[in-house]
Amino acid sequence: MTTHFIIKTAAAAMPSSCWGTYRRVAVLEVEDDGAGSPITPAMISTRARGVVRVVAVWERCSVGQNAPHGRCAYSRALREAQRLVEALEARPAPEEASR
């Protein structure tokens, strides 16, 4: 079983008094579909199909005007998630490291 690390975003639940747009950003470890490509889960949860574990979650990130390239919390969370995915994929798998 091969696993992949992906970034998943979703709308964050906020009270009606908040007028802005808020999103969740997560790094998920997912299984592959047998053909080598990762399964795309429907939600940020360990209950979703193909999800092995939820590595990290950034909750309630405010989305600014220039997202995803600006300085808003959502853009920063996406960049941090991308750095985390690159670091996790650069690390050897546990079964390869023991050889």
PDB file of N, CA and C in Angstrom:
ATOM      1  N   MET A   1       0.845  -1.181   0.000  1.00  0.00           N
ATOM      2  CA  MET A   1       0.000   0.000   0.000  1.00  0.00           C
ATOM      3  C   MET A   1       0.892   1.245   0.000  1.00  0.00           C
ATOM      4  N   THR A   2       0.734   2.060  -0.990  1.00  0.00           N
ATOM      5  CA  THR A   2       1.467   3.310  -1.084  1.00  0.00           C
ATOM      6  C   THR A   2       0.567   4.443  -0.606  1.00  0.00           C
ATOM      7  N   THR A   3       1.164   5.379   0.125  1.00  0.00           N
ATOM      8  CA  THR A   3       0.387   6.531   0.570  1.00  0.00           C
ATOM      9  C   THR A   3       0.963   7.808  -0.031  1.00  0.00           C
ATOM     10  N   HIS A   4       0.113   8.814  -0.118  1.00  0.00           N
ATOM     11  CA  HIS A   4       0.485  10.117  -0.647  1.00  0.00           C
ATOM     12  C   HIS A   4       0.031  11.173   0.359  1.00  0.00           C
ATOM     13  N   PHE A   5       0.666  12.326   0.321  1.00  0.00           N
ATOM     14  CA  PHE A   5       0.257  13.456   1.152  1.00  0.00           C
ATOM     15  C   PHE A   5      -0.371  14.500   0.243  1.00  0.00           C
ATOM     16  N   ILE A   6      -1.588  14.946   0.583  1.00  0.00           N
ATOM     17  CA  ILE A   6      -2.283  15.940  -0.218  1.00  0.00           C
ATOM     18  C   ILE A   6      -2.769  17.080   0.668  1.00  0.00           C
ATOM     19  N   ILE A   7      -3.082  18.203   0.034  1.00  0.00           N
ATOM     20  CA  ILE A   7      -3.666  19.355   0.727  1.00  0.00           C
ATOM     21  C   ILE A   7      -5.138  19.412   0.360  1.00  0.00           C
ATOM     22  N   LYS A   8      -5.988  19.505   1.355  1.00  0.00           N
ATOM     23  CA  LYS A   8      -7.438  19.575   1.151  1.00  0.00           C
ATOM     24  C   LYS A   8      -7.947  20.843   1.816  1.00  0.00           C
ATOM     25  N   THR A   9      -8.822  21.586   1.140  1.00  0.00           N
ATOM     26  CA  THR A   9      -9.432  22.773   1.733  1.00  0.00           C
ATOM     27  C   THR A   9     -10.936  22.581   1.795  1.00  0.00           C
ATOM     28  N   ALA A  10     -11.562  23.268   2.741  1.00  0.00           N
ATOM     29  CA  ALA A  10     -13.015  23.195   2.902  1.00  0.00           C
ATOM     30  C   ALA A  10     -13.503  24.483   3.541  1.00  0.00           C
ATOM     31  N   ALA A  11     -14.771  24.766   3.382  1.00  0.00           N
ATOM     32  CA  ALA A  11     -15.360  25.943   4.013  1.00  0.00           C
ATOM     33  C   ALA A  11     -15.446  25.713   5.515  1.00  0.00           C
ATOM     34  N   ALA A  12     -15.141  26.749   6.289  1.00  0.00           N
ATOM     35  CA  ALA A  12     -15.206  26.652   7.749  1.00  0.00           C
ATOM     36  C   ALA A  12     -16.568  27.134   8.217  1.00  0.00           C
ATOM     37  N   ALA A  13     -17.108  26.463   9.213  1.00  0.00           N
ATOM     38  CA  ALA A  13     -18.384  26.868   9.804  1.00  0.00           C
ATOM     39  C   ALA A  13     -18.144  28.047  10.740  1.00  0.00           C
ATOM     40  N   MET A  14     -18.843  29.138  10.491  1.00  0.00           N
ATOM     41  CA  MET A  14     -18.690  30.345  11.290  1.00  0.00           C
ATOM     42  C   MET A  14     -20.073  30.846  11.698  1.00  0.00           C
ATOM     43  N   PRO A  15     -20.140  31.617  12.785  1.00  0.00           N
ATOM     44  CA  PRO A  15     -21.433  32.183  13.184  1.00  0.00           C
ATOM     45  C   PRO A  15     -21.912  33.215  12.163  1.00  0.00           C
ATOM     46  N   SER A  16     -23.194  33.502  12.179  1.00  0.00           N
ATOM     47  CA  SER A  16     -23.764  34.419  11.201  1.00  0.00           C
ATOM     48  C   SER A  16     -23.289  35.859  11.390  1.00  0.00           C
ATOM     49  N   SER A  17     -22.689  36.169  12.524  1.00  0.00           N
ATOM     50  CA  SER A  17     -22.190  37.517  12.755  1.00  0.00           C
ATOM     51  C   SER A  17     -20.880  37.789  12.020  1.00  0.00           C
ATOM     52  N   CYS A  18     -20.239  36.740  11.466  1.00  0.00           N
ATOM     53  CA  CYS A  18     -18.998  36.907  10.702  1.00  0.00           C
ATOM     54  C   CYS A  18     -19.345  37.011   9.220  1.00  0.00           C
ATOM     55  N   TRP A  19     -19.017  38.141   8.617  1.00  0.00           N
ATOM     56  CA  TRP A  19     -19.376  38.378   7.227  1.00  0.00           C
ATOM     57  C   TRP A  19     -18.306  37.920   6.248  1.00  0.00           C
ATOM     58  N   GLY A  20     -17.106  37.698   6.695  1.00  0.00           N
ATOM     59  CA  GLY A  20     -16.023  37.301   5.801  1.00  0.00           C
ATOM     60  C   GLY A  20     -16.106  35.839   5.412  1.00  0.00           C
ATOM     61  N   THR A  21     -15.200  35.446   4.533  1.00  0.00           N
ATOM     62  CA  THR A  21     -15.093  34.052   4.111  1.00  0.00           C
ATOM     63  C   THR A  21     -13.958  33.403   4.883  1.00  0.00           C
ATOM     64  N   TYR A  22     -14.234  32.244   5.457  1.00  0.00           N
ATOM     65  CA  TYR A  22     -13.242  31.503   6.230  1.00  0.00           C
ATOM     66  C   TYR A  22     -13.166  30.084   5.696  1.00  0.00           C
ATOM     67  N   ARG A  23     -11.941  29.546   5.655  1.00  0.00           N
ATOM     68  CA  ARG A  23     -11.740  28.198   5.146  1.00  0.00           C
ATOM     69  C   ARG A  23     -10.837  27.402   6.071  1.00  0.00           C
ATOM     70  N   ARG A  24     -10.902  26.078   5.923  1.00  0.00           N
ATOM     71  CA  ARG A  24     -10.025  25.147   6.632  1.00  0.00           C
ATOM     72  C   ARG A  24      -9.010  24.621   5.626  1.00  0.00           C
ATOM     73  N   VAL A  25      -7.792  24.402   6.087  1.00  0.00           N
ATOM     74  CA  VAL A  25      -6.729  23.835   5.254  1.00  0.00           C
ATOM     75  C   VAL A  25      -6.183  22.636   6.015  1.00  0.00           C
ATOM     76  N   ALA A  26      -5.998  21.513   5.331  1.00  0.00           N
ATOM     77  CA  ALA A  26      -5.491  20.309   5.991  1.00  0.00           C
ATOM     78  C   ALA A  26      -4.506  19.569   5.107  1.00  0.00           C
ATOM     79  N   VAL A  27      -3.566  18.894   5.744  1.00  0.00           N
ATOM     80  CA  VAL A  27      -2.659  17.966   5.067  1.00  0.00           C
ATOM     81  C   VAL A  27      -3.114  16.565   5.467  1.00  0.00           C
ATOM     82  N   LEU A  28      -3.436  15.759   4.460  1.00  0.00           N
ATOM     83  CA  LEU A  28      -3.944  14.409   4.691  1.00  0.00           C
ATOM     84  C   LEU A  28      -3.004  13.382   4.081  1.00  0.00           C
ATOM     85  N   GLU A  29      -2.858  12.264   4.757  1.00  0.00           N
ATOM     86  CA  GLU A  29      -2.158  11.122   4.178  1.00  0.00           C
ATOM     87  C   GLU A  29      -3.230  10.186   3.642  1.00  0.00           C
ATOM     88  N   VAL A  30      -3.198   9.928   2.332  1.00  0.00           N
ATOM     89  CA  VAL A  30      -4.231   9.114   1.694  1.00  0.00           C
ATOM     90  C   VAL A  30      -3.605   7.940   0.956  1.00  0.00           C
ATOM     91  N   GLU A  31      -4.406   6.900   0.756  1.00  0.00           N
ATOM     92  CA  GLU A  31      -3.975   5.723   0.009  1.00  0.00           C
ATOM     93  C   GLU A  31      -4.045   6.020  -1.484  1.00  0.00           C
ATOM     94  N   ASP A  32      -3.351   5.201  -2.279  1.00  0.00           N
ATOM     95  CA  ASP A  32      -3.488   5.361  -3.726  1.00  0.00           C
ATOM     96  C   ASP A  32      -4.618   4.471  -4.224  1.00  0.00           C
ATOM     97  N   ASP A  33      -5.063   4.735  -5.455  1.00  0.00           N
ATOM     98  CA  ASP A  33      -6.209   4.014  -6.019  1.00  0.00           C
ATOM     99  C   ASP A  33      -5.819   2.735  -6.751  1.00  0.00           C
ATOM    100  N   GLY A  34      -4.569   2.323  -6.635  1.00  0.00           N
ATOM    101  CA  GLY A  34      -4.100   1.119  -7.308  1.00  0.00           C
ATOM    102  C   GLY A  34      -3.363   1.431  -8.597  1.00  0.00           C
ATOM    103  N   ALA A  35      -3.633   2.587  -9.171  1.00  0.00           N
ATOM    104  CA  ALA A  35      -2.962   3.005 -10.404  1.00  0.00           C
ATOM    105  C   ALA A  35      -1.837   3.990 -10.114  1.00  0.00           C
ATOM    106  N   GLY A  36      -1.585   4.254  -8.830  1.00  0.00           N
ATOM    107  CA  GLY A  36      -0.493   5.135  -8.458  1.00  0.00           C
ATOM    108  C   GLY A  36      -0.902   6.560  -8.148  1.00  0.00           C
ATOM    109  N   SER A  37      -2.151   6.933  -8.396  1.00  0.00           N
ATOM    110  CA  SER A  37      -2.587   8.294  -8.080  1.00  0.00           C
ATOM    111  C   SER A  37      -3.383   8.284  -6.766  1.00  0.00           C
ATOM    112  N   PRO A  38      -3.305   9.384  -5.986  1.00  0.00           N
ATOM    113  CA  PRO A  38      -3.979   9.394  -4.684  1.00  0.00           C
ATOM    114  C   PRO A  38      -5.494   9.493  -4.812  1.00  0.00           C
ATOM    115  N   ILE A  39      -6.188   8.907  -3.851  1.00  0.00           N
ATOM    116  CA  ILE A  39      -7.641   9.023  -3.762  1.00  0.00           C
ATOM    117  C   ILE A  39      -7.966  10.419  -3.237  1.00  0.00           C
ATOM    118  N   THR A  40      -8.947  11.099  -3.819  1.00  0.00           N
ATOM    119  CA  THR A  40      -9.363  12.414  -3.346  1.00  0.00           C
ATOM    120  C   THR A  40     -10.515  12.244  -2.368  1.00  0.00           C
ATOM    121  N   PRO A  41     -10.295  12.529  -1.072  1.00  0.00           N
ATOM    122  CA  PRO A  41     -11.373  12.353  -0.086  1.00  0.00           C
ATOM    123  C   PRO A  41     -12.413  13.455  -0.203  1.00  0.00           C
ATOM    124  N   ALA A  42     -13.600  13.183   0.305  1.00  0.00           N
ATOM    125  CA  ALA A  42     -14.703  14.139   0.228  1.00  0.00           C
ATOM    126  C   ALA A  42     -14.697  15.130   1.385  1.00  0.00           C
ATOM    127  N   MET A  43     -14.008  14.802   2.473  1.00  0.00           N
ATOM    128  CA  MET A  43     -14.013  15.686   3.636  1.00  0.00           C
ATOM    129  C   MET A  43     -12.696  15.572   4.385  1.00  0.00           C
ATOM    130  N   ILE A  44     -12.458  16.534   5.276  1.00  0.00           N
ATOM    131  CA  ILE A  44     -11.262  16.535   6.110  1.00  0.00           C
ATOM    132  C   ILE A  44     -11.590  15.736   7.372  1.00  0.00           C
ATOM    133  N   SER A  45     -11.366  14.443   7.310  1.00  0.00           N
ATOM    134  CA  SER A  45     -11.683  13.562   8.425  1.00  0.00           C
ATOM    135  C   SER A  45     -11.012  12.213   8.206  1.00  0.00           C
ATOM    136  N   THR A  46     -10.726  11.521   9.295  1.00  0.00           N
ATOM    137  CA  THR A  46     -10.186  10.169   9.165  1.00  0.00           C
ATOM    138  C   THR A  46     -11.266   9.189   8.721  1.00  0.00           C
ATOM    139  N   ARG A  47     -12.533   9.605   8.778  1.00  0.00           N
ATOM    140  CA  ARG A  47     -13.632   8.742   8.346  1.00  0.00           C
ATOM    141  C   ARG A  47     -13.811   8.736   6.833  1.00  0.00           C
ATOM    142  N   ALA A  48     -13.192   9.681   6.130  1.00  0.00           N
ATOM    143  CA  ALA A  48     -13.337   9.759   4.677  1.00  0.00           C
ATOM    144  C   ALA A  48     -12.653   8.572   4.008  1.00  0.00           C
ATOM    145  N   ARG A  49     -13.164   8.182   2.861  1.00  0.00           N
ATOM    146  CA  ARG A  49     -12.636   7.037   2.123  1.00  0.00           C
ATOM    147  C   ARG A  49     -11.207   7.311   1.676  1.00  0.00           C
ATOM    148  N   GLY A  50     -10.306   6.398   2.010  1.00  0.00           N
ATOM    149  CA  GLY A  50      -8.928   6.483   1.576  1.00  0.00           C
ATOM    150  C   GLY A  50      -7.997   7.260   2.491  1.00  0.00           C
ATOM    151  N   VAL A  51      -8.522   7.911   3.523  1.00  0.00           N
ATOM    152  CA  VAL A  51      -7.678   8.707   4.416  1.00  0.00           C
ATOM    153  C   VAL A  51      -7.032   7.799   5.455  1.00  0.00           C
ATOM    154  N   VAL A  52      -5.699   7.842   5.521  1.00  0.00           N
ATOM    155  CA  VAL A  52      -4.957   7.075   6.522  1.00  0.00           C
ATOM    156  C   VAL A  52      -4.887   7.868   7.821  1.00  0.00           C
ATOM    157  N   ARG A  53      -4.510   9.158   7.713  1.00  0.00           N
ATOM    158  CA  ARG A  53      -4.459  10.029   8.890  1.00  0.00           C
ATOM    159  C   ARG A  53      -4.517  11.491   8.466  1.00  0.00           C
ATOM    160  N   VAL A  54      -4.947  12.321   9.398  1.00  0.00           N
ATOM    161  CA  VAL A  54      -4.930  13.764   9.209  1.00  0.00           C
ATOM    162  C   VAL A  54      -3.645  14.259   9.863  1.00  0.00           C
ATOM    163  N   VAL A  55      -2.727  14.799   9.071  1.00  0.00           N
ATOM    164  CA  VAL A  55      -1.417  15.200   9.570  1.00  0.00           C
ATOM    165  C   VAL A  55      -1.502  16.536  10.294  1.00  0.00           C
ATOM    166  N   ALA A  56      -2.124  17.539   9.677  1.00  0.00           N
ATOM    167  CA  ALA A  56      -2.230  18.875  10.279  1.00  0.00           C
ATOM    168  C   ALA A  56      -3.469  19.582   9.733  1.00  0.00           C
ATOM    169  N   VAL A  57      -4.058  20.440  10.572  1.00  0.00           N
ATOM    170  CA  VAL A  57      -5.241  21.215  10.171  1.00  0.00           C
ATOM    171  C   VAL A  57      -5.073  22.655  10.629  1.00  0.00           C
ATOM    172  N   TRP A  58      -5.364  23.595   9.735  1.00  0.00           N
ATOM    173  CA  TRP A  58      -5.429  25.019  10.068  1.00  0.00           C
ATOM    174  C   TRP A  58      -6.899  25.396  10.023  1.00  0.00           C
ATOM    175  N   GLU A  59      -7.472  25.757  11.161  1.00  0.00           N
ATOM    176  CA  GLU A  59      -8.894  26.055  11.266  1.00  0.00           C
ATOM    177  C   GLU A  59      -9.171  27.543  11.071  1.00  0.00           C
ATOM    178  N   ARG A  60     -10.324  27.871  10.532  1.00  0.00           N
ATOM    179  CA  ARG A  60     -10.861  29.227  10.446  1.00  0.00           C
ATOM    180  C   ARG A  60      -9.862  30.252   9.914  1.00  0.00           C
ATOM    181  N   CYS A  61      -9.358  30.007   8.738  1.00  0.00           N
ATOM    182  CA  CYS A  61      -8.417  30.928   8.099  1.00  0.00           C
ATOM    183  C   CYS A  61      -9.195  31.931   7.260  1.00  0.00           C
ATOM    184  N   SER A  62      -9.000  33.192   7.549  1.00  0.00           N
ATOM    185  CA  SER A  62      -9.681  34.254   6.817  1.00  0.00           C
ATOM    186  C   SER A  62      -9.132  34.334   5.392  1.00  0.00           C
ATOM    187  N   VAL A  63     -10.046  34.407   4.419  1.00  0.00           N
ATOM    188  CA  VAL A  63      -9.665  34.485   3.014  1.00  0.00           C
ATOM    189  C   VAL A  63      -9.691  35.951   2.605  1.00  0.00           C
ATOM    190  N   GLY A  64      -8.545  36.464   2.186  1.00  0.00           N
ATOM    191  CA  GLY A  64      -8.432  37.854   1.775  1.00  0.00           C
ATOM    192  C   GLY A  64      -8.748  38.041   0.298  1.00  0.00           C
ATOM    193  N   GLN A  65      -8.597  39.276  -0.192  1.00  0.00           N
ATOM    194  CA  GLN A  65      -8.911  39.595  -1.582  1.00  0.00           C
ATOM    195  C   GLN A  65      -7.973  38.920  -2.567  1.00  0.00           C
ATOM    196  N   ASN A  66      -6.719  38.768  -2.219  1.00  0.00           N
ATOM    197  CA  ASN A  66      -5.733  38.245  -3.167  1.00  0.00           C
ATOM    198  C   ASN A  66      -5.410  36.774  -2.951  1.00  0.00           C
ATOM    199  N   ALA A  67      -6.259  36.046  -2.283  1.00  0.00           N
ATOM    200  CA  ALA A  67      -6.009  34.628  -2.028  1.00  0.00           C
ATOM    201  C   ALA A  67      -5.956  33.880  -3.347  1.00  0.00           C
ATOM    202  N   PRO A  68      -5.139  32.897  -3.521  1.00  0.00           N
ATOM    203  CA  PRO A  68      -4.195  32.287  -2.588  1.00  0.00           C
ATOM    204  C   PRO A  68      -2.788  32.862  -2.662  1.00  0.00           C
ATOM    205  N   HIS A  69      -2.609  34.045  -3.244  1.00  0.00           N
ATOM    206  CA  HIS A  69      -1.264  34.592  -3.410  1.00  0.00           C
ATOM    207  C   HIS A  69      -0.958  35.766  -2.490  1.00  0.00           C
ATOM    208  N   GLY A  70      -1.861  36.118  -1.606  1.00  0.00           N
ATOM    209  CA  GLY A  70      -1.674  37.291  -0.763  1.00  0.00           C
ATOM    210  C   GLY A  70      -1.053  36.969   0.581  1.00  0.00           C
ATOM    211  N   ARG A  71      -1.321  37.853   1.542  1.00  0.00           N
ATOM    212  CA  ARG A  71      -0.769  37.698   2.886  1.00  0.00           C
ATOM    213  C   ARG A  71      -1.841  37.315   3.903  1.00  0.00           C
ATOM    214  N   CYS A  72      -3.025  36.931   3.447  1.00  0.00           N
ATOM    215  CA  CYS A  72      -4.100  36.571   4.369  1.00  0.00           C
ATOM    216  C   CYS A  72      -3.781  35.237   5.059  1.00  0.00           C
ATOM    217  N   ALA A  73      -4.545  34.929   6.095  1.00  0.00           N
ATOM    218  CA  ALA A  73      -4.311  33.703   6.866  1.00  0.00           C
ATOM    219  C   ALA A  73      -4.467  32.456   5.996  1.00  0.00           C
ATOM    220  N   TYR A  74      -5.406  32.486   5.068  1.00  0.00           N
ATOM    221  CA  TYR A  74      -5.621  31.344   4.181  1.00  0.00           C
ATOM    222  C   TYR A  74      -4.398  31.107   3.284  1.00  0.00           C
ATOM    223  N   SER A  75      -3.852  32.169   2.717  1.00  0.00           N
ATOM    224  CA  SER A  75      -2.663  32.046   1.862  1.00  0.00           C
ATOM    225  C   SER A  75      -1.468  31.538   2.649  1.00  0.00           C
ATOM    226  N   ARG A  76      -1.310  32.055   3.847  1.00  0.00           N
ATOM    227  CA  ARG A  76      -0.199  31.597   4.694  1.00  0.00           C
ATOM    228  C   ARG A  76      -0.355  30.129   5.073  1.00  0.00           C
ATOM    229  N   ALA A  77      -1.575  29.714   5.367  1.00  0.00           N
ATOM    230  CA  ALA A  77      -1.818  28.313   5.712  1.00  0.00           C
ATOM    231  C   ALA A  77      -1.537  27.404   4.522  1.00  0.00           C
ATOM    232  N   LEU A  78      -1.916  27.829   3.309  1.00  0.00           N
ATOM    233  CA  LEU A  78      -1.626  27.035   2.116  1.00  0.00           C
ATOM    234  C   LEU A  78      -0.127  26.888   1.887  1.00  0.00           C
ATOM    235  N   ARG A  79       0.618  27.975   2.064  1.00  0.00           N
ATOM    236  CA  ARG A  79       2.073  27.893   1.887  1.00  0.00           C
ATOM    237  C   ARG A  79       2.712  26.990   2.939  1.00  0.00           C
ATOM    238  N   GLU A  80       2.261  27.096   4.181  1.00  0.00           N
ATOM    239  CA  GLU A  80       2.794  26.242   5.247  1.00  0.00           C
ATOM    240  C   GLU A  80       2.441  24.776   4.987  1.00  0.00           C
ATOM    241  N   ALA A  81       1.234  24.509   4.509  1.00  0.00           N
ATOM    242  CA  ALA A  81       0.823  23.140   4.187  1.00  0.00           C
ATOM    243  C   ALA A  81       1.675  22.582   3.047  1.00  0.00           C
ATOM    244  N   GLN A  82       1.977  23.412   2.049  1.00  0.00           N
ATOM    245  CA  GLN A  82       2.813  22.962   0.935  1.00  0.00           C
ATOM    246  C   GLN A  82       4.221  22.618   1.413  1.00  0.00           C
ATOM    247  N   ARG A  83       4.780  23.439   2.308  1.00  0.00           N
ATOM    248  CA  ARG A  83       6.104  23.125   2.863  1.00  0.00           C
ATOM    249  C   ARG A  83       6.070  21.821   3.658  1.00  0.00           C
ATOM    250  N   LEU A  84       4.998  21.587   4.410  1.00  0.00           N
ATOM    251  CA  LEU A  84       4.870  20.354   5.188  1.00  0.00           C
ATOM    252  C   LEU A  84       4.786  19.145   4.269  1.00  0.00           C
ATOM    253  N   VAL A  85       4.002  19.238   3.196  1.00  0.00           N
ATOM    254  CA  VAL A  85       3.886  18.127   2.242  1.00  0.00           C
ATOM    255  C   VAL A  85       5.239  17.822   1.611  1.00  0.00           C
ATOM    256  N   GLU A  86       5.970  18.866   1.214  1.00  0.00           N
ATOM    257  CA  GLU A  86       7.296  18.649   0.617  1.00  0.00           C
ATOM    258  C   GLU A  86       8.251  17.982   1.602  1.00  0.00           C
ATOM    259  N   ALA A  87       8.189  18.375   2.872  1.00  0.00           N
ATOM    260  CA  ALA A  87       9.056  17.763   3.880  1.00  0.00           C
ATOM    261  C   ALA A  87       8.671  16.306   4.134  1.00  0.00           C
ATOM    262  N   LEU A  88       7.383  16.014   4.165  1.00  0.00           N
ATOM    263  CA  LEU A  88       6.933  14.648   4.413  1.00  0.00           C
ATOM    264  C   LEU A  88       7.257  13.722   3.236  1.00  0.00           C
ATOM    265  N   GLU A  89       7.141  14.231   2.030  1.00  0.00           N
ATOM    266  CA  GLU A  89       7.434  13.402   0.859  1.00  0.00           C
ATOM    267  C   GLU A  89       8.928  13.189   0.671  1.00  0.00           C
ATOM    268  N   ALA A  90       9.747  14.086   1.188  1.00  0.00           N
ATOM    269  CA  ALA A  90      11.203  13.926   1.081  1.00  0.00           C
ATOM    270  C   ALA A  90      11.735  12.876   2.046  1.00  0.00           C
ATOM    271  N   ARG A  91      10.993  12.624   3.123  1.00  0.00           N
ATOM    272  CA  ARG A  91      11.401  11.629   4.101  1.00  0.00           C
ATOM    273  C   ARG A  91      11.169  10.230   3.557  1.00  0.00           C
ATOM    274  N   PRO A  92      12.089   9.284   3.764  1.00  0.00           N
ATOM    275  CA  PRO A  92      11.871   7.917   3.276  1.00  0.00           C
ATOM    276  C   PRO A  92      10.781   7.228   4.090  1.00  0.00           C
ATOM    277  N   ALA A  93      10.093   6.299   3.458  1.00  0.00           N
ATOM    278  CA  ALA A  93       9.044   5.510   4.123  1.00  0.00           C
ATOM    279  C   ALA A  93       9.686   4.650   5.208  1.00  0.00           C
ATOM    280  N   PRO A  94       8.948   4.295   6.273  1.00  0.00           N
ATOM    281  CA  PRO A  94       9.521   3.505   7.362  1.00  0.00           C
ATOM    282  C   PRO A  94      10.100   2.166   6.925  1.00  0.00           C
ATOM    283  N   GLU A  95       9.469   1.478   5.959  1.00  0.00           N
ATOM    284  CA  GLU A  95       9.999   0.185   5.515  1.00  0.00           C
ATOM    285  C   GLU A  95      11.248   0.350   4.669  1.00  0.00           C
ATOM    286  N   GLU A  96      11.420   1.493   3.981  1.00  0.00           N
ATOM    287  CA  GLU A  96      12.618   1.734   3.197  1.00  0.00           C
ATOM    288  C   GLU A  96      13.795   2.151   4.093  1.00  0.00           C
ATOM    289  N   ALA A  97      13.503   2.857   5.182  1.00  0.00           N
ATOM    290  CA  ALA A  97      14.542   3.342   6.072  1.00  0.00           C
ATOM    291  C   ALA A  97      15.210   2.207   6.853  1.00  0.00           C
ATOM    292  N   SER A  98      14.490   1.111   7.084  1.00  0.00           N
ATOM    293  CA  SER A  98      15.034  -0.001   7.865  1.00  0.00           C
ATOM    294  C   SER A  98      15.946  -0.909   7.041  1.00  0.00           C
ATOM    295  N   ARG A  99      15.962  -0.755   5.737  1.00  0.00           N
ATOM    296  CA  ARG A  99      16.788  -1.622   4.881  1.00  0.00           C
ATOM    297  C   ARG A  99      18.224  -1.242   4.897  1.00  0.00           C
TER     298      ARG A  99
END
